[in-house]
N, C-alpha and C. Protein backbone atom coordinates (compact mmCIF):
# COMPACT_ATOMS: atom_id res chain seq x y z
N MET A 1 -161.09 62.27 -15.12
CA MET A 1 -160.98 61.76 -13.77
C MET A 1 -160.98 62.94 -12.80
N SER A 2 -161.83 62.90 -11.78
CA SER A 2 -161.90 64.02 -10.83
C SER A 2 -160.59 64.10 -10.05
N ILE A 3 -160.34 65.24 -9.46
CA ILE A 3 -159.12 65.45 -8.68
C ILE A 3 -159.05 64.46 -7.52
N LEU A 4 -160.18 64.26 -6.83
CA LEU A 4 -160.21 63.33 -5.71
C LEU A 4 -159.93 61.90 -6.16
N ARG A 5 -160.52 61.50 -7.26
CA ARG A 5 -160.30 60.15 -7.79
C ARG A 5 -158.85 59.97 -8.24
N LYS A 6 -158.30 60.99 -8.88
CA LYS A 6 -156.91 60.93 -9.32
C LYS A 6 -155.97 60.82 -8.12
N TYR A 7 -156.24 61.59 -7.09
CA TYR A 7 -155.44 61.53 -5.86
C TYR A 7 -155.51 60.14 -5.24
N ALA A 8 -156.70 59.56 -5.18
CA ALA A 8 -156.88 58.22 -4.62
C ALA A 8 -156.12 57.19 -5.46
N HIS A 9 -156.19 57.32 -6.77
CA HIS A 9 -155.50 56.39 -7.68
C HIS A 9 -153.99 56.46 -7.46
N GLN A 10 -153.45 57.66 -7.36
CA GLN A 10 -152.02 57.83 -7.13
C GLN A 10 -151.62 57.28 -5.76
N SER A 11 -152.50 57.45 -4.78
CA SER A 11 -152.25 56.94 -3.44
C SER A 11 -152.16 55.41 -3.44
N VAL A 12 -153.05 54.76 -4.19
CA VAL A 12 -153.02 53.30 -4.30
C VAL A 12 -151.69 52.86 -4.91
N GLN A 13 -151.30 53.50 -5.99
CA GLN A 13 -150.04 53.14 -6.64
C GLN A 13 -148.86 53.30 -5.68
N LEU A 14 -148.84 54.40 -4.94
CA LEU A 14 -147.75 54.66 -4.01
C LEU A 14 -147.71 53.61 -2.90
N GLU A 15 -148.87 53.27 -2.33
CA GLU A 15 -148.92 52.27 -1.26
C GLU A 15 -148.47 50.90 -1.75
N LEU A 16 -148.83 50.55 -2.95
CA LEU A 16 -148.41 49.26 -3.51
C LEU A 16 -146.91 49.24 -3.78
N LEU A 17 -146.38 50.37 -4.24
CA LEU A 17 -144.93 50.46 -4.46
C LEU A 17 -144.18 50.37 -3.13
N LYS A 18 -144.70 51.02 -2.10
CA LYS A 18 -144.09 50.94 -0.76
C LYS A 18 -144.08 49.50 -0.26
N ALA A 19 -145.09 48.74 -0.65
CA ALA A 19 -145.20 47.34 -0.25
C ALA A 19 -144.32 46.44 -1.12
N LYS A 20 -143.49 47.07 -1.96
CA LYS A 20 -142.55 46.36 -2.83
C LYS A 20 -143.22 45.51 -3.90
N LEU A 21 -144.34 46.01 -4.39
CA LEU A 21 -145.01 45.39 -5.53
C LEU A 21 -144.70 46.21 -6.77
N GLU A 22 -144.55 45.55 -7.89
CA GLU A 22 -144.37 46.24 -9.16
C GLU A 22 -145.77 46.61 -9.65
N VAL A 23 -145.98 47.87 -9.96
CA VAL A 23 -147.31 48.35 -10.34
C VAL A 23 -147.25 48.98 -11.72
N SER A 24 -148.22 48.62 -12.55
CA SER A 24 -148.29 49.21 -13.88
C SER A 24 -149.75 49.32 -14.30
N PRO A 25 -150.04 50.25 -15.21
CA PRO A 25 -151.42 50.32 -15.73
C PRO A 25 -151.70 49.08 -16.56
N ASP A 26 -152.96 48.75 -16.70
CA ASP A 26 -153.33 47.61 -17.53
C ASP A 26 -153.15 47.99 -18.99
N LYS A 27 -152.17 47.41 -19.63
CA LYS A 27 -151.84 47.75 -21.02
C LYS A 27 -152.91 47.28 -22.00
N LYS A 28 -153.69 46.27 -21.61
CA LYS A 28 -154.73 45.76 -22.50
C LYS A 28 -155.97 46.65 -22.47
N ARG A 29 -156.02 47.56 -21.48
CA ARG A 29 -157.13 48.51 -21.35
C ARG A 29 -158.49 47.83 -21.21
N ARG A 30 -158.52 46.75 -20.45
CA ARG A 30 -159.81 46.12 -20.18
C ARG A 30 -160.57 47.01 -19.21
N ALA A 31 -161.85 47.17 -19.41
CA ALA A 31 -162.66 48.08 -18.60
C ALA A 31 -162.60 47.74 -17.12
N GLU A 32 -162.53 46.44 -16.81
CA GLU A 32 -162.61 46.04 -15.41
C GLU A 32 -161.30 46.15 -14.64
N VAL A 33 -160.18 46.38 -15.31
CA VAL A 33 -158.89 46.39 -14.63
C VAL A 33 -158.22 47.75 -14.80
N ASP A 34 -157.79 48.31 -13.66
CA ASP A 34 -157.12 49.60 -13.70
C ASP A 34 -155.61 49.47 -13.57
N LEU A 35 -155.18 48.54 -12.70
CA LEU A 35 -153.76 48.36 -12.44
C LEU A 35 -153.41 46.88 -12.41
N ILE A 36 -152.15 46.61 -12.70
CA ILE A 36 -151.60 45.27 -12.55
C ILE A 36 -150.53 45.37 -11.47
N ALA A 37 -150.63 44.52 -10.46
CA ALA A 37 -149.62 44.46 -9.40
C ALA A 37 -148.90 43.12 -9.51
N LYS A 38 -147.58 43.18 -9.46
CA LYS A 38 -146.77 41.97 -9.60
C LYS A 38 -145.89 41.83 -8.37
N THR A 39 -145.87 40.62 -7.80
CA THR A 39 -145.05 40.36 -6.61
C THR A 39 -143.64 39.98 -7.02
N HIS A 40 -142.75 39.91 -6.03
CA HIS A 40 -141.36 39.53 -6.30
C HIS A 40 -141.25 38.08 -6.77
N THR A 41 -142.29 37.27 -6.51
CA THR A 41 -142.29 35.88 -6.97
C THR A 41 -142.86 35.73 -8.38
N GLY A 42 -143.35 36.84 -8.94
CA GLY A 42 -143.85 36.81 -10.30
C GLY A 42 -145.36 36.68 -10.41
N LYS A 43 -146.07 36.55 -9.28
CA LYS A 43 -147.53 36.48 -9.34
C LYS A 43 -148.08 37.83 -9.76
N GLN A 44 -149.12 37.79 -10.59
CA GLN A 44 -149.76 39.02 -11.06
C GLN A 44 -151.19 39.10 -10.56
N TYR A 45 -151.59 40.31 -10.17
CA TYR A 45 -152.95 40.56 -9.72
C TYR A 45 -153.53 41.72 -10.50
N GLU A 46 -154.77 41.54 -10.93
CA GLU A 46 -155.49 42.61 -11.61
C GLU A 46 -156.27 43.36 -10.53
N LEU A 47 -156.16 44.69 -10.54
CA LEU A 47 -156.82 45.49 -9.52
C LEU A 47 -157.88 46.40 -10.16
N TYR A 48 -159.08 46.26 -9.64
CA TYR A 48 -160.20 47.11 -10.04
C TYR A 48 -160.26 48.23 -9.01
N PHE A 49 -160.02 49.44 -9.42
CA PHE A 49 -159.95 50.61 -8.54
C PHE A 49 -161.36 51.11 -8.20
N GLN A 50 -161.66 51.20 -6.89
CA GLN A 50 -162.99 51.65 -6.47
C GLN A 50 -162.87 52.58 -5.25
N PRO A 51 -162.83 53.89 -5.48
CA PRO A 51 -162.80 54.82 -4.35
C PRO A 51 -164.20 55.04 -3.79
N ILE A 52 -164.26 55.40 -2.51
CA ILE A 52 -165.53 55.79 -1.91
C ILE A 52 -165.27 57.01 -1.03
N ASP A 53 -165.98 58.08 -1.32
CA ASP A 53 -165.89 59.32 -0.54
C ASP A 53 -166.87 59.19 0.62
N LEU A 54 -166.35 58.90 1.80
CA LEU A 54 -167.21 58.66 2.96
C LEU A 54 -167.90 59.92 3.48
N GLU A 55 -167.53 61.07 2.92
CA GLU A 55 -168.24 62.30 3.26
C GLU A 55 -169.60 62.32 2.56
N LYS A 56 -169.73 61.57 1.46
CA LYS A 56 -170.94 61.61 0.65
C LYS A 56 -171.64 60.26 0.51
N GLU A 57 -170.89 59.16 0.65
CA GLU A 57 -171.44 57.82 0.37
C GLU A 57 -171.15 56.85 1.50
N ARG A 58 -171.94 55.81 1.57
CA ARG A 58 -171.71 54.74 2.54
C ARG A 58 -171.64 53.37 1.87
N SER A 59 -171.74 53.36 0.54
CA SER A 59 -171.60 52.09 -0.18
C SER A 59 -171.16 52.38 -1.61
N VAL A 60 -170.60 51.34 -2.22
CA VAL A 60 -170.27 51.41 -3.64
C VAL A 60 -170.91 50.22 -4.33
N LYS A 61 -171.32 50.43 -5.55
CA LYS A 61 -171.89 49.36 -6.35
C LYS A 61 -171.00 49.15 -7.56
N ILE A 62 -170.68 47.88 -7.80
CA ILE A 62 -169.82 47.50 -8.90
C ILE A 62 -170.66 46.67 -9.86
N LEU A 63 -170.87 47.20 -11.05
CA LEU A 63 -171.67 46.46 -12.03
C LEU A 63 -170.99 45.15 -12.38
N LYS A 64 -171.77 44.07 -12.37
CA LYS A 64 -171.21 42.75 -12.68
C LYS A 64 -170.65 42.71 -14.09
N GLY A 65 -171.33 43.35 -15.02
CA GLY A 65 -170.86 43.37 -16.39
C GLY A 65 -169.55 44.12 -16.55
N GLU A 66 -169.30 45.09 -15.68
CA GLU A 66 -168.08 45.88 -15.75
C GLU A 66 -166.90 45.12 -15.13
N LEU A 67 -167.14 44.48 -13.99
CA LEU A 67 -166.07 43.78 -13.29
C LEU A 67 -165.73 42.46 -13.96
N GLY A 68 -166.73 41.78 -14.46
CA GLY A 68 -166.50 40.45 -15.01
C GLY A 68 -166.65 39.40 -13.92
N GLU A 69 -166.38 38.16 -14.26
CA GLU A 69 -166.50 37.07 -13.30
C GLU A 69 -165.42 37.17 -12.24
N PRO A 70 -165.78 36.99 -10.95
CA PRO A 70 -164.75 36.94 -9.91
C PRO A 70 -163.76 35.81 -10.21
N LYS A 71 -162.49 36.09 -9.95
CA LYS A 71 -161.45 35.08 -10.15
C LYS A 71 -160.32 35.32 -9.15
N GLU A 72 -159.46 34.34 -9.02
CA GLU A 72 -158.41 34.36 -8.01
C GLU A 72 -157.51 35.59 -8.06
N ASN A 73 -157.15 36.03 -9.24
CA ASN A 73 -156.18 37.12 -9.33
C ASN A 73 -156.83 38.49 -9.61
N LEU A 74 -158.14 38.59 -9.47
CA LEU A 74 -158.83 39.87 -9.65
C LEU A 74 -159.27 40.38 -8.29
N TRP A 75 -158.75 41.53 -7.91
CA TRP A 75 -159.04 42.09 -6.59
C TRP A 75 -159.61 43.50 -6.74
N ILE A 76 -160.42 43.89 -5.76
CA ILE A 76 -160.96 45.24 -5.71
C ILE A 76 -160.04 46.07 -4.81
N ALA A 77 -159.53 47.17 -5.34
CA ALA A 77 -158.72 48.10 -4.54
C ALA A 77 -159.70 49.17 -4.04
N LEU A 78 -160.28 48.92 -2.87
CA LEU A 78 -161.26 49.84 -2.27
C LEU A 78 -160.51 50.90 -1.48
N VAL A 79 -160.71 52.15 -1.86
CA VAL A 79 -160.02 53.27 -1.22
C VAL A 79 -161.04 54.11 -0.47
N LEU A 80 -160.87 54.16 0.85
CA LEU A 80 -161.76 54.98 1.69
C LEU A 80 -161.18 56.39 1.77
N LEU A 81 -161.99 57.37 1.39
CA LEU A 81 -161.58 58.76 1.40
C LEU A 81 -162.41 59.54 2.41
N MET A 82 -161.71 60.28 3.28
CA MET A 82 -162.38 61.15 4.24
C MET A 82 -161.59 62.45 4.36
N LYS A 83 -162.30 63.51 4.62
CA LYS A 83 -161.69 64.82 4.75
C LYS A 83 -160.63 64.80 5.85
N ASP A 84 -159.49 65.42 5.56
CA ASP A 84 -158.39 65.56 6.50
C ASP A 84 -157.77 64.23 6.94
N MET A 85 -157.92 63.18 6.13
CA MET A 85 -157.30 61.89 6.45
C MET A 85 -156.64 61.34 5.19
N GLU A 86 -155.58 60.60 5.39
CA GLU A 86 -154.95 59.91 4.27
C GLU A 86 -155.90 58.84 3.75
N PRO A 87 -155.89 58.56 2.46
CA PRO A 87 -156.73 57.48 1.94
C PRO A 87 -156.36 56.15 2.59
N ILE A 88 -157.36 55.30 2.80
CA ILE A 88 -157.14 53.99 3.40
C ILE A 88 -157.45 52.94 2.34
N LEU A 89 -156.46 52.08 2.07
CA LEU A 89 -156.57 51.09 1.01
C LEU A 89 -156.94 49.72 1.56
N HIS A 90 -157.93 49.11 0.96
CA HIS A 90 -158.32 47.74 1.24
C HIS A 90 -158.22 46.95 -0.06
N LEU A 91 -157.67 45.75 0.02
CA LEU A 91 -157.60 44.86 -1.14
C LEU A 91 -158.54 43.69 -0.90
N ILE A 92 -159.59 43.64 -1.68
CA ILE A 92 -160.64 42.63 -1.49
C ILE A 92 -160.62 41.67 -2.68
N PRO A 93 -160.32 40.39 -2.42
CA PRO A 93 -160.37 39.43 -3.52
C PRO A 93 -161.78 39.39 -4.11
N SER A 94 -161.87 39.40 -5.43
CA SER A 94 -163.19 39.42 -6.07
C SER A 94 -164.01 38.19 -5.71
N LYS A 95 -163.36 37.10 -5.36
CA LYS A 95 -164.06 35.86 -4.97
C LYS A 95 -164.95 36.10 -3.75
N VAL A 96 -164.60 37.07 -2.91
CA VAL A 96 -165.41 37.40 -1.73
C VAL A 96 -166.81 37.84 -2.18
N LEU A 97 -166.88 38.52 -3.31
CA LEU A 97 -168.16 39.02 -3.81
C LEU A 97 -169.08 37.88 -4.25
N SER A 98 -168.50 36.78 -4.69
CA SER A 98 -169.33 35.67 -5.16
C SER A 98 -169.96 34.88 -4.01
N GLU A 99 -169.53 35.17 -2.78
CA GLU A 99 -170.14 34.57 -1.60
C GLU A 99 -170.46 35.69 -0.60
N PRO A 100 -171.43 36.55 -0.93
CA PRO A 100 -171.72 37.72 -0.10
C PRO A 100 -172.19 37.33 1.30
N ASP A 101 -171.83 38.19 2.28
CA ASP A 101 -172.23 37.93 3.66
C ASP A 101 -173.52 38.66 4.04
N ASP A 102 -174.04 39.48 3.15
CA ASP A 102 -175.24 40.29 3.40
C ASP A 102 -175.10 41.17 4.64
N TYR A 103 -173.87 41.53 4.94
CA TYR A 103 -173.57 42.46 6.02
C TYR A 103 -172.76 43.63 5.44
N ILE A 104 -171.65 43.27 4.80
CA ILE A 104 -170.82 44.26 4.11
C ILE A 104 -170.93 44.06 2.60
N PHE A 105 -170.93 42.80 2.19
CA PHE A 105 -170.94 42.44 0.77
C PHE A 105 -172.30 41.92 0.37
N PHE A 106 -172.84 42.48 -0.73
CA PHE A 106 -174.17 42.13 -1.19
C PHE A 106 -174.15 41.80 -2.67
N ASP A 107 -175.01 40.87 -3.06
CA ASP A 107 -175.21 40.52 -4.47
C ASP A 107 -176.58 41.03 -4.86
N ASN A 108 -176.62 42.08 -5.64
CA ASN A 108 -177.88 42.67 -6.08
C ASN A 108 -178.20 42.18 -7.49
N GLU A 109 -178.67 40.94 -7.56
CA GLU A 109 -179.04 40.32 -8.84
C GLU A 109 -180.38 40.91 -9.28
N GLN A 110 -180.47 41.33 -10.54
CA GLN A 110 -181.68 42.01 -11.02
C GLN A 110 -182.55 41.16 -11.94
N GLY A 111 -182.19 39.91 -12.16
CA GLY A 111 -183.00 39.07 -13.03
C GLY A 111 -182.65 39.27 -14.49
N GLU A 112 -183.15 38.38 -15.32
CA GLU A 112 -182.80 38.37 -16.75
C GLU A 112 -183.11 39.68 -17.46
N ARG A 113 -184.30 40.21 -17.22
CA ARG A 113 -184.72 41.41 -17.94
C ARG A 113 -183.82 42.62 -17.66
N PHE A 114 -183.33 42.72 -16.42
CA PHE A 114 -182.50 43.86 -16.03
C PHE A 114 -181.09 43.41 -15.63
N LYS A 115 -180.63 42.34 -16.24
CA LYS A 115 -179.33 41.75 -15.91
C LYS A 115 -178.21 42.79 -15.98
N HIS A 116 -178.30 43.71 -16.91
CA HIS A 116 -177.27 44.74 -17.08
C HIS A 116 -177.15 45.66 -15.86
N LEU A 117 -178.15 45.64 -14.97
CA LEU A 117 -178.12 46.46 -13.76
C LEU A 117 -177.64 45.67 -12.53
N SER A 118 -177.43 44.37 -12.70
CA SER A 118 -176.97 43.54 -11.58
C SER A 118 -175.62 44.05 -11.10
N ASN A 119 -175.44 44.05 -9.78
CA ASN A 119 -174.20 44.57 -9.22
C ASN A 119 -173.86 43.90 -7.89
N TRP A 120 -172.61 44.09 -7.52
CA TRP A 120 -172.17 43.74 -6.18
C TRP A 120 -172.06 45.05 -5.42
N GLU A 121 -172.41 45.01 -4.17
CA GLU A 121 -172.37 46.22 -3.35
C GLU A 121 -171.48 45.98 -2.14
N ILE A 122 -170.69 46.98 -1.81
CA ILE A 122 -169.86 46.96 -0.61
C ILE A 122 -170.30 48.13 0.25
N LYS A 123 -170.77 47.81 1.46
CA LYS A 123 -171.22 48.86 2.38
C LYS A 123 -170.13 49.15 3.40
N VAL A 124 -169.95 50.43 3.69
CA VAL A 124 -168.95 50.86 4.65
C VAL A 124 -169.68 51.66 5.72
N PHE A 125 -169.64 51.14 6.94
CA PHE A 125 -170.26 51.82 8.07
C PHE A 125 -169.45 51.50 9.32
N THR A 126 -169.66 52.27 10.37
CA THR A 126 -168.83 52.18 11.56
C THR A 126 -168.69 50.77 12.12
N LYS A 127 -169.79 50.05 12.28
CA LYS A 127 -169.73 48.72 12.86
C LYS A 127 -169.07 47.70 11.93
N ALA A 128 -168.96 48.02 10.66
CA ALA A 128 -168.35 47.10 9.70
C ALA A 128 -166.83 47.27 9.61
N ILE A 129 -166.30 48.34 10.14
CA ILE A 129 -164.88 48.63 10.00
C ILE A 129 -163.99 47.49 10.53
N PRO A 130 -164.27 46.91 11.70
CA PRO A 130 -163.41 45.79 12.14
C PRO A 130 -163.39 44.63 11.14
N GLU A 131 -164.53 44.29 10.58
CA GLU A 131 -164.60 43.21 9.60
C GLU A 131 -163.89 43.62 8.30
N LEU A 132 -164.12 44.83 7.88
CA LEU A 132 -163.51 45.33 6.65
C LEU A 132 -161.99 45.45 6.78
N SER A 133 -161.51 45.72 7.99
CA SER A 133 -160.06 45.88 8.20
C SER A 133 -159.28 44.59 7.92
N LYS A 134 -159.97 43.46 7.88
CA LYS A 134 -159.29 42.21 7.50
C LYS A 134 -158.71 42.33 6.10
N TYR A 135 -159.26 43.24 5.31
CA TYR A 135 -158.82 43.42 3.93
C TYR A 135 -157.89 44.62 3.75
N SER A 136 -157.40 45.18 4.87
CA SER A 136 -156.48 46.31 4.75
C SER A 136 -155.22 45.84 4.03
N LEU A 137 -154.52 46.75 3.41
CA LEU A 137 -153.32 46.39 2.66
C LEU A 137 -152.35 45.59 3.52
N THR A 138 -152.12 46.04 4.74
CA THR A 138 -151.21 45.35 5.65
C THR A 138 -151.62 43.91 5.88
N ASN A 139 -152.90 43.68 6.09
CA ASN A 139 -153.39 42.32 6.36
C ASN A 139 -153.42 41.44 5.11
N MET A 140 -153.50 42.05 3.94
CA MET A 140 -153.62 41.27 2.71
C MET A 140 -152.28 40.98 2.02
N LEU A 141 -151.24 41.72 2.38
CA LEU A 141 -149.94 41.53 1.74
C LEU A 141 -149.43 40.09 1.80
N PRO A 142 -149.57 39.39 2.93
CA PRO A 142 -149.10 37.99 2.95
C PRO A 142 -149.80 37.11 1.91
N GLN A 143 -151.05 37.40 1.59
CA GLN A 143 -151.77 36.61 0.59
C GLN A 143 -151.30 36.90 -0.83
N LEU A 144 -150.68 38.04 -1.02
CA LEU A 144 -150.20 38.41 -2.35
C LEU A 144 -148.87 37.76 -2.70
N ALA A 145 -148.13 37.34 -1.70
CA ALA A 145 -146.76 36.80 -1.93
C ALA A 145 -146.74 35.61 -2.84
């Protein structure tokens, strides 16, 4: 794991702990899940960790085969990384990907022959930030309760 990725991962864990969620690594070691977050009411969420270095990239692609089928308790922990700024965490329910808006969220289906390359894409750009901020940790915490 690169230093930047490790820092982003630790930042996600810290932010979730500050939000009073119980956080643990996925003990089953499923490829698509990095962390398990548990609320005080006992609800559990699987988090797929996806950092994006905005100094180098403007989108991330998540292979469908890697993430698995979108479901209620599977969320993408999208971490925006920029030089001289604290990481910014967004929690995006995976169900959002199954209904892409073709603005921020895209479904890049590759057909049967290249199905293994099919992916969901999340684009991050200046005009998308207000829409993307709906998924900021602060805005999503009430949905986790």
